[in-house]
Amino acid sequence: MLQRIIATTPARPGATLAPEWKPVGVFPYGTAWANHRLGLRVIMSVDTLVGDERYLHVSCSRKSRLPSWDDLKVVKDVFIGEEVEAIQCLPKKSEYVNLMPHCLHLWARVTAP
């Protein structure tokens, strides 16, 4: 069920994206959208992080610079929801991985505590 939601719409049930968010594709690592007016790309997936707890993972990137706080807020509101808590994690240096230099990540729990 969640995979179907991720593949077609934002995480908010019944929500649809504004027309400026264009689908880029469905990939093994998630579903991608782009907003050319804002210069943002988003990828969404569902990850199991701790035990059986599942989290919606939303990444936000720009081509030539790190997204701003305002960019991150827009992406969070559109793809996760205005009233849904999301977290950003800064890992230990020994666990840091950088696959995309201009990308930030948010996670929101999708399983009940």
PDB file of N, CA and C in Angstrom:
ATOM      1  N   MET A   1       0.824  -1.195   0.000  1.00  0.00           N
ATOM      2  CA  MET A   1       0.000   0.000   0.000  1.00  0.00           C
ATOM      3  C   MET A   1       0.866   1.255   0.000  1.00  0.00           C
ATOM      4  N   LEU A   2       1.844   1.338   0.925  1.00  0.00           N
ATOM      5  CA  LEU A   2       2.691   2.531   0.976  1.00  0.00           C
ATOM      6  C   LEU A   2       3.468   2.722  -0.312  1.00  0.00           C
ATOM      7  N   GLN A   3       3.955   1.641  -0.906  1.00  0.00           N
ATOM      8  CA  GLN A   3       4.710   1.780  -2.150  1.00  0.00           C
ATOM      9  C   GLN A   3       3.840   2.390  -3.241  1.00  0.00           C
ATOM     10  N   ARG A   4       2.567   2.025  -3.290  1.00  0.00           N
ATOM     11  CA  ARG A   4       1.665   2.596  -4.287  1.00  0.00           C
ATOM     12  C   ARG A   4       1.444   4.079  -4.015  1.00  0.00           C
ATOM     13  N   ILE A   5       1.289   4.456  -2.751  1.00  0.00           N
ATOM     14  CA  ILE A   5       1.135   5.874  -2.402  1.00  0.00           C
ATOM     15  C   ILE A   5       2.378   6.645  -2.815  1.00  0.00           C
ATOM     16  N   ILE A   6       3.539   6.120  -2.476  1.00  0.00           N
ATOM     17  CA  ILE A   6       4.795   6.785  -2.807  1.00  0.00           C
ATOM     18  C   ILE A   6       4.928   6.959  -4.313  1.00  0.00           C
ATOM     19  N   ALA A   7       4.505   5.973  -5.076  1.00  0.00           N
ATOM     20  CA  ALA A   7       4.684   6.016  -6.522  1.00  0.00           C
ATOM     21  C   ALA A   7       3.765   7.021  -7.201  1.00  0.00           C
ATOM     22  N   THR A   8       2.695   7.459  -6.527  1.00  0.00           N
ATOM     23  CA  THR A   8       1.731   8.302  -7.223  1.00  0.00           C
ATOM     24  C   THR A   8       1.517   9.675  -6.605  1.00  0.00           C
ATOM     25  N   THR A   9       1.642   9.814  -5.304  1.00  0.00           N
ATOM     26  CA  THR A   9       1.296  11.077  -4.659  1.00  0.00           C
ATOM     27  C   THR A   9       2.219  11.348  -3.486  1.00  0.00           C
ATOM     28  N   PRO A  10       2.115  12.563  -2.927  1.00  0.00           N
ATOM     29  CA  PRO A  10       2.819  12.814  -1.673  1.00  0.00           C
ATOM     30  C   PRO A  10       2.263  11.915  -0.567  1.00  0.00           C
ATOM     31  N   ALA A  11       2.908  11.921   0.574  1.00  0.00           N
ATOM     32  CA  ALA A  11       2.539  11.027   1.671  1.00  0.00           C
ATOM     33  C   ALA A  11       1.181  11.349   2.280  1.00  0.00           C
ATOM     34  N   ARG A  12       0.698  12.546   2.095  1.00  0.00           N
ATOM     35  CA  ARG A  12      -0.572  12.920   2.704  1.00  0.00           C
ATOM     36  C   ARG A  12      -1.719  12.240   1.960  1.00  0.00           C
ATOM     37  N   PRO A  13      -2.533  11.409   2.641  1.00  0.00           N
ATOM     38  CA  PRO A  13      -3.619  10.698   1.971  1.00  0.00           C
ATOM     39  C   PRO A  13      -4.555  11.657   1.249  1.00  0.00           C
ATOM     40  N   GLY A  14      -4.874  11.345   0.015  1.00  0.00           N
ATOM     41  CA  GLY A  14      -5.786  12.158  -0.773  1.00  0.00           C
ATOM     42  C   GLY A  14      -5.158  13.399  -1.371  1.00  0.00           C
ATOM     43  N   ALA A  15      -3.900  13.664  -1.073  1.00  0.00           N
ATOM     44  CA  ALA A  15      -3.239  14.873  -1.570  1.00  0.00           C
ATOM     45  C   ALA A  15      -2.744  14.661  -2.993  1.00  0.00           C
ATOM     46  N   THR A  16      -2.685  15.741  -3.724  1.00  0.00           N
ATOM     47  CA  THR A  16      -2.074  15.715  -5.046  1.00  0.00           C
ATOM     48  C   THR A  16      -1.041  16.825  -5.099  1.00  0.00           C
ATOM     49  N   LEU A  17      -0.074  16.644  -5.955  1.00  0.00           N
ATOM     50  CA  LEU A  17       0.973  17.656  -6.099  1.00  0.00           C
ATOM     51  C   LEU A  17       0.495  18.789  -6.983  1.00  0.00           C
ATOM     52  N   ALA A  18       0.988  19.988  -6.690  1.00  0.00           N
ATOM     53  CA  ALA A  18       0.733  21.126  -7.569  1.00  0.00           C
ATOM     54  C   ALA A  18       1.367  20.830  -8.924  1.00  0.00           C
ATOM     55  N   PRO A  19       0.830  21.397  -9.999  1.00  0.00           N
ATOM     56  CA  PRO A  19       1.316  21.077 -11.343  1.00  0.00           C
ATOM     57  C   PRO A  19       2.794  21.372 -11.585  1.00  0.00           C
ATOM     58  N   GLU A  20       3.385  22.284 -10.808  1.00  0.00           N
ATOM     59  CA  GLU A  20       4.805  22.587 -11.044  1.00  0.00           C
ATOM     60  C   GLU A  20       5.736  21.463 -10.591  1.00  0.00           C
ATOM     61  N   TRP A  21       5.217  20.495  -9.821  1.00  0.00           N
ATOM     62  CA  TRP A  21       6.015  19.321  -9.433  1.00  0.00           C
ATOM     63  C   TRP A  21       5.816  18.250 -10.490  1.00  0.00           C
ATOM     64  N   LYS A  22       6.822  18.056 -11.320  1.00  0.00           N
ATOM     65  CA  LYS A  22       6.748  17.111 -12.437  1.00  0.00           C
ATOM     66  C   LYS A  22       7.374  15.775 -12.034  1.00  0.00           C
ATOM     67  N   PRO A  23       6.699  14.654 -12.354  1.00  0.00           N
ATOM     68  CA  PRO A  23       7.305  13.362 -12.060  1.00  0.00           C
ATOM     69  C   PRO A  23       8.539  13.141 -12.929  1.00  0.00           C
ATOM     70  N   VAL A  24       9.589  12.643 -12.316  1.00  0.00           N
ATOM     71  CA  VAL A  24      10.830  12.342 -13.035  1.00  0.00           C
ATOM     72  C   VAL A  24      10.901  10.849 -13.326  1.00  0.00           C
ATOM     73  N   GLY A  25      10.454  10.038 -12.375  1.00  0.00           N
ATOM     74  CA  GLY A  25      10.456   8.600 -12.589  1.00  0.00           C
ATOM     75  C   GLY A  25      10.399   7.817 -11.304  1.00  0.00           C
ATOM     76  N   VAL A  26      10.193   6.517 -11.457  1.00  0.00           N
ATOM     77  CA  VAL A  26      10.207   5.586 -10.333  1.00  0.00           C
ATOM     78  C   VAL A  26      11.473   4.748 -10.485  1.00  0.00           C
ATOM     79  N   PHE A  27      12.306   4.775  -9.468  1.00  0.00           N
ATOM     80  CA  PHE A  27      13.609   4.119  -9.503  1.00  0.00           C
ATOM     81  C   PHE A  27      13.697   3.118  -8.355  1.00  0.00           C
ATOM     82  N   PRO A  28      14.675   2.217  -8.376  1.00  0.00           N
ATOM     83  CA  PRO A  28      14.819   1.263  -7.265  1.00  0.00           C
ATOM     84  C   PRO A  28      14.977   1.952  -5.906  1.00  0.00           C
ATOM     85  N   TYR A  29      15.513   3.165  -5.879  1.00  0.00           N
ATOM     86  CA  TYR A  29      15.761   3.882  -4.625  1.00  0.00           C
ATOM     87  C   TYR A  29      14.643   4.858  -4.268  1.00  0.00           C
ATOM     88  N   GLY A  30      13.592   4.975  -5.075  1.00  0.00           N
ATOM     89  CA  GLY A  30      12.483   5.855  -4.738  1.00  0.00           C
ATOM     90  C   GLY A  30      11.839   6.489  -5.953  1.00  0.00           C
ATOM     91  N   THR A  31      10.833   7.300  -5.686  1.00  0.00           N
ATOM     92  CA  THR A  31      10.107   8.025  -6.722  1.00  0.00           C
ATOM     93  C   THR A  31      10.577   9.470  -6.718  1.00  0.00           C
ATOM     94  N   ALA A  32      10.826  10.023  -7.904  1.00  0.00           N
ATOM     95  CA  ALA A  32      11.429  11.357  -8.005  1.00  0.00           C
ATOM     96  C   ALA A  32      10.498  12.355  -8.682  1.00  0.00           C
ATOM     97  N   TRP A  33      10.573  13.601  -8.198  1.00  0.00           N
ATOM     98  CA  TRP A  33       9.865  14.739  -8.781  1.00  0.00           C
ATOM     99  C   TRP A  33      10.832  15.904  -8.923  1.00  0.00           C
ATOM    100  N   ALA A  34      10.503  16.825  -9.827  1.00  0.00           N
ATOM    101  CA  ALA A  34      11.304  18.040  -9.996  1.00  0.00           C
ATOM    102  C   ALA A  34      10.375  19.239 -10.095  1.00  0.00           C
ATOM    103  N   ASN A  35      10.821  20.342  -9.510  1.00  0.00           N
ATOM    104  CA  ASN A  35      10.130  21.621  -9.638  1.00  0.00           C
ATOM    105  C   ASN A  35      11.141  22.570 -10.277  1.00  0.00           C
ATOM    106  N   HIS A  36      11.010  22.767 -11.586  1.00  0.00           N
ATOM    107  CA  HIS A  36      12.000  23.567 -12.318  1.00  0.00           C
ATOM    108  C   HIS A  36      11.946  25.039 -11.926  1.00  0.00           C
ATOM    109  N   ARG A  37      10.764  25.539 -11.586  1.00  0.00           N
ATOM    110  CA  ARG A  37      10.646  26.941 -11.161  1.00  0.00           C
ATOM    111  C   ARG A  37      11.445  27.191  -9.888  1.00  0.00           C
ATOM    112  N   LEU A  38      11.378  26.257  -8.949  1.00  0.00           N
ATOM    113  CA  LEU A  38      12.116  26.388  -7.692  1.00  0.00           C
ATOM    114  C   LEU A  38      13.536  25.833  -7.780  1.00  0.00           C
ATOM    115  N   GLY A  39      13.827  25.063  -8.818  1.00  0.00           N
ATOM    116  CA  GLY A  39      15.155  24.462  -8.952  1.00  0.00           C
ATOM    117  C   GLY A  39      15.400  23.310  -7.995  1.00  0.00           C
ATOM    118  N   LEU A  40      14.326  22.618  -7.605  1.00  0.00           N
ATOM    119  CA  LEU A  40      14.438  21.539  -6.615  1.00  0.00           C
ATOM    120  C   LEU A  40      14.104  20.182  -7.218  1.00  0.00           C
ATOM    121  N   ARG A  41      14.773  19.160  -6.708  1.00  0.00           N
ATOM    122  CA  ARG A  41      14.456  17.761  -7.006  1.00  0.00           C
ATOM    123  C   ARG A  41      14.172  17.061  -5.688  1.00  0.00           C
ATOM    124  N   VAL A  42      13.221  16.141  -5.727  1.00  0.00           N
ATOM    125  CA  VAL A  42      12.827  15.396  -4.532  1.00  0.00           C
ATOM    126  C   VAL A  42      12.776  13.913  -4.875  1.00  0.00           C
ATOM    127  N   ILE A  43      13.256  13.092  -3.964  1.00  0.00           N
ATOM    128  CA  ILE A  43      13.099  11.643  -4.073  1.00  0.00           C
ATOM    129  C   ILE A  43      12.471  11.152  -2.774  1.00  0.00           C
ATOM    130  N   MET A  44      11.430  10.305  -2.902  1.00  0.00           N
ATOM    131  CA  MET A  44      10.747   9.729  -1.743  1.00  0.00           C
ATOM    132  C   MET A  44      10.877   8.215  -1.764  1.00  0.00           C
ATOM    133  N   SER A  45      11.033   7.645  -0.575  1.00  0.00           N
ATOM    134  CA  SER A  45      11.034   6.192  -0.427  1.00  0.00           C
ATOM    135  C   SER A  45      10.557   5.861   0.978  1.00  0.00           C
ATOM    136  N   VAL A  46      10.321   4.592   1.231  1.00  0.00           N
ATOM    137  CA  VAL A  46      10.004   4.131   2.583  1.00  0.00           C
ATOM    138  C   VAL A  46      11.144   3.230   3.020  1.00  0.00           C
ATOM    139  N   ASP A  47      11.740   3.537   4.172  1.00  0.00           N
ATOM    140  CA  ASP A  47      12.881   2.789   4.696  1.00  0.00           C
ATOM    141  C   ASP A  47      12.521   2.165   6.040  1.00  0.00           C
ATOM    142  N   THR A  48      13.036   0.975   6.306  1.00  0.00           N
ATOM    143  CA  THR A  48      12.952   0.375   7.630  1.00  0.00           C
ATOM    144  C   THR A  48      14.264   0.689   8.330  1.00  0.00           C
ATOM    145  N   LEU A  49      14.200   1.487   9.396  1.00  0.00           N
ATOM    146  CA  LEU A  49      15.414   1.967  10.045  1.00  0.00           C
ATOM    147  C   LEU A  49      15.747   1.238  11.333  1.00  0.00           C
ATOM    148  N   VAL A  50      14.763   1.012  12.194  1.00  0.00           N
ATOM    149  CA  VAL A  50      15.007   0.383  13.490  1.00  0.00           C
ATOM    150  C   VAL A  50      13.969  -0.721  13.666  1.00  0.00           C
ATOM    151  N   GLY A  51      14.423  -1.964  13.729  1.00  0.00           N
ATOM    152  CA  GLY A  51      13.470  -3.057  13.878  1.00  0.00           C
ATOM    153  C   GLY A  51      12.489  -3.054  12.724  1.00  0.00           C
ATOM    154  N   ASP A  52      11.206  -2.988  13.054  1.00  0.00           N
ATOM    155  CA  ASP A  52      10.168  -2.954  12.026  1.00  0.00           C
ATOM    156  C   ASP A  52       9.613  -1.555  11.805  1.00  0.00           C
ATOM    157  N   GLU A  53      10.226  -0.547  12.393  1.00  0.00           N
ATOM    158  CA  GLU A  53       9.726   0.819  12.225  1.00  0.00           C
ATOM    159  C   GLU A  53      10.044   1.313  10.824  1.00  0.00           C
ATOM    160  N   ARG A  54       9.004   1.811  10.161  1.00  0.00           N
ATOM    161  CA  ARG A  54       9.171   2.299   8.799  1.00  0.00           C
ATOM    162  C   ARG A  54       9.097   3.819   8.796  1.00  0.00           C
ATOM    163  N   TYR A  55       9.935   4.420   7.978  1.00  0.00           N
ATOM    164  CA  TYR A  55      10.009   5.870   7.862  1.00  0.00           C
ATOM    165  C   TYR A  55       9.914   6.287   6.408  1.00  0.00           C
ATOM    166  N   LEU A  56       9.160   7.345   6.179  1.00  0.00           N
ATOM    167  CA  LEU A  56       9.160   7.994   4.877  1.00  0.00           C
ATOM    168  C   LEU A  56      10.455   8.783   4.782  1.00  0.00           C
ATOM    169  N   HIS A  57      11.227   8.554   3.743  1.00  0.00           N
ATOM    170  CA  HIS A  57      12.493   9.258   3.523  1.00  0.00           C
ATOM    171  C   HIS A  57      12.296  10.191   2.337  1.00  0.00           C
ATOM    172  N   VAL A  58      12.525  11.473   2.554  1.00  0.00           N
ATOM    173  CA  VAL A  58      12.396  12.480   1.499  1.00  0.00           C
ATOM    174  C   VAL A  58      13.726  13.201   1.377  1.00  0.00           C
ATOM    175  N   SER A  59      14.319  13.136   0.198  1.00  0.00           N
ATOM    176  CA  SER A  59      15.555  13.887  -0.039  1.00  0.00           C
ATOM    177  C   SER A  59      15.245  15.064  -0.948  1.00  0.00           C
ATOM    178  N   CYS A  60      15.946  16.149  -0.723  1.00  0.00           N
ATOM    179  CA  CYS A  60      15.743  17.405  -1.445  1.00  0.00           C
ATOM    180  C   CYS A  60      17.103  17.872  -1.948  1.00  0.00           C
ATOM    181  N   SER A  61      17.200  18.162  -3.238  1.00  0.00           N
ATOM    182  CA  SER A  61      18.500  18.575  -3.769  1.00  0.00           C
ATOM    183  C   SER A  61      18.366  19.717  -4.768  1.00  0.00           C
ATOM    184  N   ARG A  62      19.494  20.381  -4.965  1.00  0.00           N
ATOM    185  CA  ARG A  62      19.662  21.409  -5.989  1.00  0.00           C
ATOM    186  C   ARG A  62      20.866  21.018  -6.824  1.00  0.00           C
ATOM    187  N   LYS A  63      20.928  21.561  -8.028  1.00  0.00           N
ATOM    188  CA  LYS A  63      22.012  21.206  -8.941  1.00  0.00           C
ATOM    189  C   LYS A  63      23.364  21.733  -8.483  1.00  0.00           C
ATOM    190  N   SER A  64      23.416  22.982  -7.992  1.00  0.00           N
ATOM    191  CA  SER A  64      24.729  23.601  -7.755  1.00  0.00           C
ATOM    192  C   SER A  64      24.949  24.118  -6.338  1.00  0.00           C
ATOM    193  N   ARG A  65      23.982  23.904  -5.443  1.00  0.00           N
ATOM    194  CA  ARG A  65      24.177  24.348  -4.062  1.00  0.00           C
ATOM    195  C   ARG A  65      23.265  23.550  -3.148  1.00  0.00           C
ATOM    196  N   LEU A  66      23.573  23.599  -1.872  1.00  0.00           N
ATOM    197  CA  LEU A  66      22.755  22.935  -0.872  1.00  0.00           C
ATOM    198  C   LEU A  66      21.401  23.646  -0.768  1.00  0.00           C
ATOM    199  N   PRO A  67      20.294  22.915  -0.638  1.00  0.00           N
ATOM    200  CA  PRO A  67      19.000  23.571  -0.445  1.00  0.00           C
ATOM    201  C   PRO A  67      18.997  24.424   0.826  1.00  0.00           C
ATOM    202  N   SER A  68      18.238  25.504   0.792  1.00  0.00           N
ATOM    203  CA  SER A  68      18.117  26.393   1.953  1.00  0.00           C
ATOM    204  C   SER A  68      17.105  25.818   2.947  1.00  0.00           C
ATOM    205  N   TRP A  69      17.045  26.453   4.116  1.00  0.00           N
ATOM    206  CA  TRP A  69      16.041  26.077   5.116  1.00  0.00           C
ATOM    207  C   TRP A  69      14.646  26.255   4.535  1.00  0.00           C
ATOM    208  N   ASP A  70      14.414  27.346   3.810  1.00  0.00           N
ATOM    209  CA  ASP A  70      13.103  27.573   3.191  1.00  0.00           C
ATOM    210  C   ASP A  70      12.784  26.487   2.163  1.00  0.00           C
ATOM    211  N   ASP A  71      13.776  26.059   1.385  1.00  0.00           N
ATOM    212  CA  ASP A  71      13.575  24.957   0.438  1.00  0.00           C
ATOM    213  C   ASP A  71      13.131  23.703   1.181  1.00  0.00           C
ATOM    214  N   LEU A  72      13.824  23.389   2.254  1.00  0.00           N
ATOM    215  CA  LEU A  72      13.525  22.187   3.027  1.00  0.00           C
ATOM    216  C   LEU A  72      12.116  22.253   3.630  1.00  0.00           C
ATOM    217  N   LYS A  73      11.718  23.430   4.103  1.00  0.00           N
ATOM    218  CA  LYS A  73      10.365  23.592   4.661  1.00  0.00           C
ATOM    219  C   LYS A  73       9.305  23.375   3.586  1.00  0.00           C
ATOM    220  N   VAL A  74       9.521  23.916   2.390  1.00  0.00           N
ATOM    221  CA  VAL A  74       8.567  23.729   1.289  1.00  0.00           C
ATOM    222  C   VAL A  74       8.422  22.246   0.968  1.00  0.00           C
ATOM    223  N   VAL A  75       9.538  21.562   0.820  1.00  0.00           N
ATOM    224  CA  VAL A  75       9.516  20.138   0.491  1.00  0.00           C
ATOM    225  C   VAL A  75       8.836  19.336   1.600  1.00  0.00           C
ATOM    226  N   LYS A  76       9.131  19.652   2.848  1.00  0.00           N
ATOM    227  CA  LYS A  76       8.504  18.952   3.972  1.00  0.00           C
ATOM    228  C   LYS A  76       6.993  19.157   3.954  1.00  0.00           C
ATOM    229  N   ASP A  77       6.542  20.399   3.770  1.00  0.00           N
ATOM    230  CA  ASP A  77       5.108  20.679   3.768  1.00  0.00           C
ATOM    231  C   ASP A  77       4.393  19.985   2.614  1.00  0.00           C
ATOM    232  N   VAL A  78       5.003  19.978   1.432  1.00  0.00           N
ATOM    233  CA  VAL A  78       4.377  19.394   0.245  1.00  0.00           C
ATOM    234  C   VAL A  78       4.385  17.872   0.287  1.00  0.00           C
ATOM    235  N   PHE A  79       5.508  17.270   0.628  1.00  0.00           N
ATOM    236  CA  PHE A  79       5.659  15.826   0.493  1.00  0.00           C
ATOM    237  C   PHE A  79       5.406  15.041   1.776  1.00  0.00           C
ATOM    238  N   ILE A  80       5.534  15.670   2.928  1.00  0.00           N
ATOM    239  CA  ILE A  80       5.301  14.971   4.195  1.00  0.00           C
ATOM    240  C   ILE A  80       4.034  15.490   4.863  1.00  0.00           C
ATOM    241  N   GLY A  81       3.827  16.793   4.836  1.00  0.00           N
ATOM    242  CA  GLY A  81       2.639  17.395   5.423  1.00  0.00           C
ATOM    243  C   GLY A  81       3.001  18.473   6.422  1.00  0.00           C
ATOM    244  N   GLU A  82       2.177  19.507   6.474  1.00  0.00           N
ATOM    245  CA  GLU A  82       2.440  20.645   7.359  1.00  0.00           C
ATOM    246  C   GLU A  82       2.371  20.267   8.825  1.00  0.00           C
ATOM    247  N   GLU A  83       1.507  19.314   9.183  1.00  0.00           N
ATOM    248  CA  GLU A  83       1.303  18.950  10.586  1.00  0.00           C
ATOM    249  C   GLU A  83       1.893  17.584  10.930  1.00  0.00           C
ATOM    250  N   VAL A  84       2.831  17.129  10.129  1.00  0.00           N
ATOM    251  CA  VAL A  84       3.515  15.860  10.392  1.00  0.00           C
ATOM    252  C   VAL A  84       4.936  16.182  10.832  1.00  0.00           C
ATOM    253  N   GLU A  85       5.362  15.548  11.919  1.00  0.00           N
ATOM    254  CA  GLU A  85       6.722  15.768  12.407  1.00  0.00           C
ATOM    255  C   GLU A  85       7.719  15.033  11.517  1.00  0.00           C
ATOM    256  N   ALA A  86       8.774  15.725  11.150  1.00  0.00           N
ATOM    257  CA  ALA A  86       9.864  15.129  10.368  1.00  0.00           C
ATOM    258  C   ALA A  86      11.173  15.444  11.074  1.00  0.00           C
ATOM    259  N   ILE A  87      12.153  14.580  10.868  1.00  0.00           N
ATOM    260  CA  ILE A  87      13.452  14.790  11.504  1.00  0.00           C
ATOM    261  C   ILE A  87      14.552  14.843  10.450  1.00  0.00           C
ATOM    262  N   GLN A  88      15.608  15.551  10.807  1.00  0.00           N
ATOM    263  CA  GLN A  88      16.832  15.579  10.014  1.00  0.00           C
ATOM    264  C   GLN A  88      17.931  15.069  10.937  1.00  0.00           C
ATOM    265  N   CYS A  89      18.736  14.137  10.459  1.00  0.00           N
ATOM    266  CA  CYS A  89      19.740  13.486  11.302  1.00  0.00           C
ATOM    267  C   CYS A  89      21.142  13.834  10.822  1.00  0.00           C
ATOM    268  N   LEU A  90      22.009  14.185  11.758  1.00  0.00           N
ATOM    269  CA  LEU A  90      23.422  14.399  11.462  1.00  0.00           C
ATOM    270  C   LEU A  90      24.184  13.224  12.058  1.00  0.00           C
ATOM    271  N   PRO A  91      24.704  12.335  11.211  1.00  0.00           N
ATOM    272  CA  PRO A  91      25.343  11.119  11.721  1.00  0.00           C
ATOM    273  C   PRO A  91      26.715  11.379  12.324  1.00  0.00           C
ATOM    274  N   LYS A  92      27.201  10.351  13.030  1.00  0.00           N
ATOM    275  CA  LYS A  92      28.582  10.395  13.507  1.00  0.00           C
ATOM    276  C   LYS A  92      29.502  10.475  12.288  1.00  0.00           C
ATOM    277  N   LYS A  93      30.641  11.124  12.443  1.00  0.00           N
ATOM    278  CA  LYS A  93      31.589  11.270  11.340  1.00  0.00           C
ATOM    279  C   LYS A  93      31.950   9.914  10.731  1.00  0.00           C
ATOM    280  N   SER A  94      32.113   8.907  11.575  1.00  0.00           N
ATOM    281  CA  SER A  94      32.503   7.578  11.091  1.00  0.00           C
ATOM    282  C   SER A  94      31.409   6.905  10.258  1.00  0.00           C
ATOM    283  N   GLU A  95      30.163   7.392  10.346  1.00  0.00           N
ATOM    284  CA  GLU A  95      29.049   6.798   9.607  1.00  0.00           C
ATOM    285  C   GLU A  95      28.553   7.685   8.471  1.00  0.00           C
ATOM    286  N   TYR A  96      29.217   8.805   8.239  1.00  0.00           N
ATOM    287  CA  TYR A  96      28.771   9.753   7.228  1.00  0.00           C
ATOM    288  C   TYR A  96      29.028   9.221   5.824  1.00  0.00           C
ATOM    289  N   VAL A  97      28.019   9.329   4.971  1.00  0.00           N
ATOM    290  CA  VAL A  97      28.126   8.946   3.562  1.00  0.00           C
ATOM    291  C   VAL A  97      27.582  10.107   2.743  1.00  0.00           C
ATOM    292  N   ASN A  98      28.301  10.525   1.720  1.00  0.00           N
ATOM    293  CA  ASN A  98      27.848  11.622   0.870  1.00  0.00           C
ATOM    294  C   ASN A  98      27.827  11.151  -0.576  1.00  0.00           C
ATOM    295  N   LEU A  99      26.640  10.777  -1.051  1.00  0.00           N
ATOM    296  CA  LEU A  99      26.492  10.334  -2.432  1.00  0.00           C
ATOM    297  C   LEU A  99      26.102  11.480  -3.362  1.00  0.00           C
ATOM    298  N   MET A 100      25.614  12.576  -2.789  1.00  0.00           N
ATOM    299  CA  MET A 100      25.159  13.728  -3.571  1.00  0.00           C
ATOM    300  C   MET A 100      25.519  14.981  -2.778  1.00  0.00           C
ATOM    301  N   PRO A 101      26.417  15.816  -3.267  1.00  0.00           N
ATOM    302  CA  PRO A 101      26.921  16.932  -2.461  1.00  0.00           C
ATOM    303  C   PRO A 101      25.906  18.034  -2.153  1.00  0.00           C
ATOM    304  N   HIS A 102      24.808  18.124  -2.899  1.00  0.00           N
ATOM    305  CA  HIS A 102      23.852  19.218  -2.686  1.00  0.00           C
ATOM    306  C   HIS A 102      22.482  18.670  -2.289  1.00  0.00           C
ATOM    307  N   CYS A 103      22.464  17.780  -1.303  1.00  0.00           N
ATOM    308  CA  CYS A 103      21.241  17.073  -0.936  1.00  0.00           C
ATOM    309  C   CYS A 103      21.049  17.060   0.581  1.00  0.00           C
ATOM    310  N   LEU A 104      19.808  17.283   1.017  1.00  0.00           N
ATOM    311  CA  LEU A 104      19.426  17.170   2.428  1.00  0.00           C
ATOM    312  C   LEU A 104      18.316  16.129   2.543  1.00  0.00           C
ATOM    313  N   HIS A 105      18.174  15.532   3.729  1.00  0.00           N
ATOM    314  CA  HIS A 105      17.235  14.431   3.924  1.00  0.00           C
ATOM    315  C   HIS A 105      16.329  14.693   5.122  1.00  0.00           C
ATOM    316  N   LEU A 106      15.084  14.242   5.001  1.00  0.00           N
ATOM    317  CA  LEU A 106      14.113  14.267   6.090  1.00  0.00           C
ATOM    318  C   LEU A 106      13.514  12.876   6.232  1.00  0.00           C
ATOM    319  N   TRP A 107      13.146  12.522   7.473  1.00  0.00           N
ATOM    320  CA  TRP A 107      12.461  11.266   7.734  1.00  0.00           C
ATOM    321  C   TRP A 107      11.223  11.556   8.578  1.00  0.00           C
ATOM    322  N   ALA A 108      10.139  10.828   8.285  1.00  0.00           N
ATOM    323  CA  ALA A 108       8.908  10.909   9.071  1.00  0.00           C
ATOM    324  C   ALA A 108       8.417   9.489   9.317  1.00  0.00           C
ATOM    325  N   ARG A 109       8.087   9.182  10.559  1.00  0.00           N
ATOM    326  CA  ARG A 109       7.630   7.836  10.915  1.00  0.00           C
ATOM    327  C   ARG A 109       6.294   7.550  10.234  1.00  0.00           C
ATOM    328  N   VAL A 110       6.181   6.364   9.634  1.00  0.00           N
ATOM    329  CA  VAL A 110       4.917   5.958   9.020  1.00  0.00           C
ATOM    330  C   VAL A 110       4.298   4.771   9.740  1.00  0.00           C
ATOM    331  N   THR A 111       4.963   4.242  10.766  1.00  0.00           N
ATOM    332  CA  THR A 111       4.391   3.182  11.586  1.00  0.00           C
ATOM    333  C   THR A 111       4.118   3.739  12.973  1.00  0.00           C
ATOM    334  N   ALA A 112       3.071   3.229  13.583  1.00  0.00           N
ATOM    335  CA  ALA A 112       2.715   3.710  14.919  1.00  0.00           C
ATOM    336  C   ALA A 112       3.783   3.316  15.925  1.00  0.00           C
ATOM    337  N   PRO A 113       4.007   4.179  16.949  1.00  0.00           N
ATOM    338  CA  PRO A 113       5.002   3.855  17.979  1.00  0.00           C
ATOM    339  C   PRO A 113       4.583   2.645  18.799  1.00  0.00           C
TER     340      PRO A 113
END
